[in-house]
Amino acid sequence: MPGMGGVAAVGRRAARPPILFISGYTADKELPGPLLAKPFRPDALLKAVAGLLGGSH
């Protein structure tokens, strides 16, 4: 969306699907959802996605 970063665009959606943010910049942002910090292992990604979908791993 022009003039708007990704986090702001996601925050404006009325009906939100589960969103997992993945970033190497973790210290200075407040996000409207869980964050997986880079670098990460495949098992950490699997666990984060399972948590978003209500499953357990």
Protein backbone atom coordinates (compact mmCIF):
# COMPACT_ATOMS: atom_id res chain seq x y z
CA MET A 1 0.00 0.00 0.00
CA PRO A 2 1.54 3.32 -0.97
CA GLY A 3 2.76 5.41 1.94
CA MET A 4 2.29 2.60 4.44
CA GLY A 5 4.67 -0.07 5.69
CA GLY A 6 3.70 -3.72 5.95
CA VAL A 7 2.97 -3.64 9.69
CA ALA A 8 0.62 -0.68 9.33
CA ALA A 9 -1.16 -2.33 6.42
CA VAL A 10 -1.72 -5.53 8.39
CA GLY A 11 -2.98 -3.61 11.42
CA ARG A 12 -5.71 -1.96 9.34
CA ARG A 13 -7.31 -5.20 8.12
CA ALA A 14 -10.74 -5.86 9.59
CA ALA A 15 -10.65 -9.67 9.58
CA ARG A 16 -7.16 -10.90 10.29
CA PRO A 17 -5.92 -14.38 9.47
CA PRO A 18 -3.09 -15.67 11.67
CA ILE A 19 0.09 -13.78 10.79
CA LEU A 20 3.64 -14.68 11.76
CA PHE A 21 6.17 -11.88 11.39
CA ILE A 22 9.70 -12.92 10.46
CA SER A 23 12.46 -10.35 10.80
CA GLY A 24 16.08 -9.80 11.70
CA TYR A 25 15.13 -6.47 13.28
CA THR A 26 13.47 -7.40 16.55
CA ALA A 27 14.24 -4.69 19.10
CA ASP A 28 12.42 -1.58 17.95
CA LYS A 29 9.02 -2.66 16.63
CA GLU A 30 5.74 -3.43 18.33
CA LEU A 31 3.94 -5.94 16.15
CA PRO A 32 0.28 -6.99 16.09
CA GLY A 33 1.27 -10.65 16.19
CA PRO A 34 4.02 -13.13 17.06
CA LEU A 35 7.56 -12.63 15.77
CA LEU A 36 10.06 -15.26 14.67
CA ALA A 37 13.52 -13.70 14.79
CA LYS A 38 16.09 -14.47 12.10
CA PRO A 39 18.07 -16.61 11.93
CA PHE A 40 15.85 -19.49 12.95
CA ARG A 41 15.86 -23.25 12.59
CA PRO A 42 13.19 -25.10 10.60
CA ASP A 43 11.80 -26.67 13.78
CA ALA A 44 11.26 -23.18 15.26
CA LEU A 45 9.27 -22.19 12.17
CA LEU A 46 7.19 -25.35 12.41
CA LYS A 47 6.46 -24.72 16.09
CA ALA A 48 5.51 -21.07 15.45
CA VAL A 49 3.13 -21.96 12.60
CA ALA A 50 1.57 -24.80 14.61
CA GLY A 51 1.00 -22.37 17.48
CA LEU A 52 -0.74 -19.91 15.17
CA LEU A 53 -3.00 -22.61 13.81
CA GLY A 54 -3.90 -23.91 17.26
CA GLY A 55 -1.92 -27.11 17.00
CA SER A 56 0.86 -28.32 19.20
CA HIS A 57 4.29 -29.53 18.29
